Amino acid sequence: MNISKAEQRTLHVLARGGAIFVEKDEAGKIIAVNCITREGWTLADCTLALFRKMKRRRLIASSNSGPYRATAIGRRSVRAQLDNRA
């Protein structure tokens, strides 16, 4: 599956334990997204358009009204990256 760099970065964060939190308006429509790493940092690459694209391709999903996380398809699609920790 072809995945853009921004999708790759976001899926990597989600595969390592991050989550995407959404903000909805009164009608229940998603108006903003915020991708948080497991360390508590915010990922700036995760935009609303990227979120919709990944959701449409079923790379991410929400369970029990919780934050969005990587699905099994999303975890299989992400390429391995070096962990930049010492």
N, C-alpha and C. Protein backbone atom coordinates (compact mmCIF):
# COMPACT_ATOMS: atom_id res chain seq x y z
N MET A 1 0.85 -1.17 0.00
CA MET A 1 0.00 0.00 0.00
C MET A 1 0.89 1.24 0.00
N ASN A 2 0.59 2.18 -0.86
CA ASN A 2 1.35 3.42 -0.93
C ASN A 2 0.92 4.36 0.18
N ILE A 3 1.88 4.81 0.97
CA ILE A 3 1.59 5.69 2.10
C ILE A 3 2.51 6.90 2.01
N SER A 4 1.95 8.10 2.17
CA SER A 4 2.75 9.32 2.10
C SER A 4 3.62 9.45 3.35
N LYS A 5 4.57 10.37 3.30
CA LYS A 5 5.46 10.58 4.44
C LYS A 5 4.70 11.01 5.70
N ALA A 6 3.71 11.88 5.52
CA ALA A 6 2.94 12.34 6.68
C ALA A 6 2.13 11.19 7.27
N GLU A 7 1.54 10.37 6.40
CA GLU A 7 0.81 9.20 6.89
C GLU A 7 1.75 8.24 7.61
N GLN A 8 2.92 8.05 7.05
CA GLN A 8 3.93 7.16 7.63
C GLN A 8 4.32 7.65 9.03
N ARG A 9 4.58 8.95 9.16
CA ARG A 9 4.96 9.52 10.45
C ARG A 9 3.85 9.35 11.49
N THR A 10 2.64 9.63 11.07
CA THR A 10 1.51 9.52 11.99
C THR A 10 1.26 8.07 12.39
N LEU A 11 1.29 7.16 11.44
CA LEU A 11 1.08 5.75 11.76
C LEU A 11 2.18 5.21 12.66
N HIS A 12 3.40 5.68 12.47
CA HIS A 12 4.50 5.25 13.33
C HIS A 12 4.25 5.68 14.78
N VAL A 13 3.80 6.90 14.96
CA VAL A 13 3.48 7.40 16.30
C VAL A 13 2.35 6.58 16.91
N LEU A 14 1.33 6.28 16.12
CA LEU A 14 0.20 5.50 16.62
C LEU A 14 0.60 4.06 16.93
N ALA A 15 1.47 3.48 16.12
CA ALA A 15 1.91 2.11 16.36
C ALA A 15 2.73 1.99 17.64
N ARG A 16 3.39 3.08 18.02
CA ARG A 16 4.20 3.07 19.24
C ARG A 16 3.40 3.48 20.47
N GLY A 17 2.09 3.63 20.35
CA GLY A 17 1.27 3.90 21.52
C GLY A 17 0.62 5.26 21.56
N GLY A 18 0.74 6.04 20.51
CA GLY A 18 0.11 7.35 20.46
C GLY A 18 -1.37 7.24 20.16
N ALA A 19 -2.05 8.38 20.14
CA ALA A 19 -3.49 8.40 19.87
C ALA A 19 -3.86 9.71 19.21
N ILE A 20 -4.96 9.69 18.47
CA ILE A 20 -5.50 10.89 17.84
C ILE A 20 -6.80 11.25 18.56
N PHE A 21 -6.83 12.43 19.13
CA PHE A 21 -8.02 12.93 19.81
C PHE A 21 -8.73 13.90 18.86
N VAL A 22 -10.05 13.79 18.80
CA VAL A 22 -10.84 14.62 17.89
C VAL A 22 -11.68 15.62 18.67
N GLU A 23 -11.95 16.74 18.01
CA GLU A 23 -12.84 17.77 18.56
C GLU A 23 -14.03 17.86 17.61
N LYS A 24 -15.23 17.79 18.19
CA LYS A 24 -16.44 17.80 17.38
C LYS A 24 -17.27 19.04 17.68
N ASP A 25 -18.08 19.44 16.69
CA ASP A 25 -19.01 20.56 16.91
C ASP A 25 -20.32 20.02 17.48
N GLU A 26 -21.31 20.90 17.59
CA GLU A 26 -22.60 20.51 18.19
C GLU A 26 -23.31 19.42 17.39
N ALA A 27 -23.11 19.42 16.09
CA ALA A 27 -23.76 18.43 15.23
C ALA A 27 -23.03 17.09 15.23
N GLY A 28 -21.88 17.01 15.87
CA GLY A 28 -21.12 15.77 15.91
C GLY A 28 -20.11 15.61 14.80
N LYS A 29 -19.92 16.68 14.01
CA LYS A 29 -18.95 16.64 12.90
C LYS A 29 -17.55 16.94 13.45
N ILE A 30 -16.56 16.20 12.99
CA ILE A 30 -15.17 16.41 13.43
C ILE A 30 -14.64 17.69 12.82
N ILE A 31 -14.17 18.60 13.67
CA ILE A 31 -13.67 19.89 13.19
C ILE A 31 -12.17 20.06 13.43
N ALA A 32 -11.59 19.28 14.33
CA ALA A 32 -10.16 19.39 14.60
C ALA A 32 -9.63 18.07 15.14
N VAL A 33 -8.36 17.79 14.84
CA VAL A 33 -7.72 16.58 15.34
C VAL A 33 -6.40 16.96 16.02
N ASN A 34 -6.00 16.15 16.99
CA ASN A 34 -4.77 16.39 17.72
C ASN A 34 -4.11 15.04 17.96
N CYS A 35 -2.94 14.81 17.35
CA CYS A 35 -2.21 13.55 17.50
C CYS A 35 -1.19 13.72 18.62
N ILE A 36 -1.31 12.86 19.62
CA ILE A 36 -0.44 12.91 20.79
C ILE A 36 0.41 11.64 20.83
N THR A 37 1.73 11.79 21.00
CA THR A 37 2.60 10.63 21.14
C THR A 37 2.45 10.05 22.54
N ARG A 38 3.00 8.88 22.76
CA ARG A 38 2.89 8.28 24.09
C ARG A 38 3.68 9.04 25.14
N GLU A 39 4.63 9.87 24.70
CA GLU A 39 5.39 10.70 25.62
C GLU A 39 4.69 12.01 25.94
N GLY A 40 3.59 12.31 25.22
CA GLY A 40 2.82 13.52 25.48
C GLY A 40 3.08 14.67 24.52
N TRP A 41 3.90 14.45 23.51
CA TRP A 41 4.18 15.48 22.52
C TRP A 41 3.07 15.51 21.47
N THR A 42 2.89 16.66 20.83
CA THR A 42 1.91 16.80 19.76
C THR A 42 2.60 16.69 18.42
N LEU A 43 2.03 15.92 17.51
CA LEU A 43 2.56 15.75 16.17
C LEU A 43 1.89 16.76 15.25
N ALA A 44 2.66 17.67 14.69
CA ALA A 44 2.11 18.74 13.86
C ALA A 44 1.69 18.26 12.47
N ASP A 45 2.21 17.13 12.01
CA ASP A 45 1.91 16.63 10.66
C ASP A 45 0.48 16.09 10.52
N CYS A 46 -0.16 15.79 11.61
CA CYS A 46 -1.50 15.19 11.56
C CYS A 46 -2.55 16.28 11.40
N THR A 47 -3.02 16.46 10.18
CA THR A 47 -4.04 17.48 9.87
C THR A 47 -5.40 16.80 9.72
N LEU A 48 -6.42 17.60 9.60
CA LEU A 48 -7.77 17.07 9.42
C LEU A 48 -7.89 16.31 8.09
N ALA A 49 -7.28 16.84 7.05
CA ALA A 49 -7.32 16.17 5.75
C ALA A 49 -6.59 14.81 5.80
N LEU A 50 -5.45 14.77 6.46
CA LEU A 50 -4.71 13.53 6.61
C LEU A 50 -5.50 12.53 7.45
N PHE A 51 -6.13 13.01 8.51
CA PHE A 51 -6.96 12.16 9.36
C PHE A 51 -8.08 11.52 8.55
N ARG A 52 -8.78 12.31 7.75
CA ARG A 52 -9.88 11.79 6.94
C ARG A 52 -9.38 10.76 5.91
N LYS A 53 -8.22 11.02 5.34
CA LYS A 53 -7.65 10.10 4.35
C LYS A 53 -7.31 8.76 5.00
N MET A 54 -6.70 8.81 6.18
CA MET A 54 -6.33 7.57 6.87
C MET A 54 -7.57 6.83 7.37
N LYS A 55 -8.58 7.55 7.80
CA LYS A 55 -9.82 6.92 8.25
C LYS A 55 -10.54 6.25 7.09
N ARG A 56 -10.57 6.92 5.94
CA ARG A 56 -11.20 6.38 4.74
C ARG A 56 -10.50 5.09 4.28
N ARG A 57 -9.18 5.03 4.44
CA ARG A 57 -8.41 3.85 4.04
C ARG A 57 -8.37 2.79 5.14
N ARG A 58 -9.06 3.04 6.25
CA ARG A 58 -9.17 2.13 7.39
C ARG A 58 -7.82 1.83 8.04
N LEU A 59 -6.93 2.82 8.05
CA LEU A 59 -5.65 2.68 8.73
C LEU A 59 -5.78 3.01 10.21
N ILE A 60 -6.81 3.79 10.57
CA ILE A 60 -7.07 4.15 11.96
C ILE A 60 -8.54 3.92 12.26
N ALA A 61 -8.84 3.72 13.54
CA ALA A 61 -10.23 3.53 13.95
C ALA A 61 -10.36 3.87 15.43
N SER A 62 -11.59 4.18 15.83
CA SER A 62 -11.90 4.47 17.22
C SER A 62 -12.69 3.29 17.78
N SER A 63 -12.47 2.99 19.04
CA SER A 63 -13.17 1.90 19.69
C SER A 63 -13.84 2.40 20.96
N ASN A 64 -15.14 2.13 21.11
CA ASN A 64 -15.90 2.54 22.30
C ASN A 64 -15.81 4.04 22.56
N SER A 65 -15.92 4.84 21.53
CA SER A 65 -15.88 6.31 21.62
C SER A 65 -14.57 6.83 22.21
N GLY A 66 -13.51 6.08 22.09
CA GLY A 66 -12.20 6.48 22.59
C GLY A 66 -11.41 7.18 21.50
N PRO A 67 -10.14 7.46 21.78
CA PRO A 67 -9.30 8.11 20.77
C PRO A 67 -9.02 7.15 19.61
N TYR A 68 -8.65 7.72 18.47
CA TYR A 68 -8.34 6.92 17.29
C TYR A 68 -6.95 6.33 17.44
N ARG A 69 -6.83 5.07 17.09
CA ARG A 69 -5.56 4.35 17.16
C ARG A 69 -5.36 3.59 15.85
N ALA A 70 -4.14 3.10 15.62
CA ALA A 70 -3.84 2.36 14.40
C ALA A 70 -4.55 1.01 14.43
N THR A 71 -5.12 0.63 13.30
CA THR A 71 -5.75 -0.68 13.16
C THR A 71 -4.68 -1.71 12.79
N ALA A 72 -5.08 -2.95 12.66
CA ALA A 72 -4.14 -4.00 12.24
C ALA A 72 -3.62 -3.70 10.83
N ILE A 73 -4.50 -3.20 9.97
CA ILE A 73 -4.08 -2.82 8.61
C ILE A 73 -3.06 -1.68 8.68
N GLY A 74 -3.30 -0.71 9.55
CA GLY A 74 -2.39 0.42 9.70
C GLY A 74 -1.04 0.00 10.23
N ARG A 75 -1.03 -0.93 11.19
CA ARG A 75 0.25 -1.39 11.74
C ARG A 75 1.04 -2.20 10.73
N ARG A 76 0.33 -2.96 9.89
CA ARG A 76 1.03 -3.71 8.84
C ARG A 76 1.57 -2.79 7.75
N SER A 77 0.92 -1.67 7.52
CA SER A 77 1.29 -0.76 6.44
C SER A 77 2.49 0.11 6.77
N VAL A 78 2.76 0.32 8.04
CA VAL A 78 3.84 1.22 8.45
C VAL A 78 5.19 0.51 8.27
N ARG A 79 6.14 1.23 7.71
CA ARG A 79 7.48 0.69 7.54
C ARG A 79 8.26 0.87 8.83
N ALA A 80 9.21 -0.01 9.07
CA ALA A 80 10.02 0.08 10.28
C ALA A 80 10.89 1.33 10.23
N GLN A 81 11.00 2.00 11.37
CA GLN A 81 11.85 3.17 11.49
C GLN A 81 12.74 3.00 12.71
N LEU A 82 13.88 3.65 12.69
CA LEU A 82 14.77 3.61 13.84
C LEU A 82 14.14 4.35 15.00
N ASP A 83 14.34 3.84 16.17
CA ASP A 83 13.88 4.52 17.37
C ASP A 83 14.99 5.48 17.78
N ASN A 84 14.72 6.76 17.80
CA ASN A 84 15.75 7.77 18.02
C ASN A 84 16.10 7.96 19.50
N ARG A 85 15.92 6.94 20.28
CA ARG A 85 16.29 7.03 21.70
C ARG A 85 17.70 6.51 21.89
N ALA A 86 18.34 7.00 22.93
CA ALA A 86 19.70 6.55 23.23
C ALA A 86 19.66 5.30 24.09
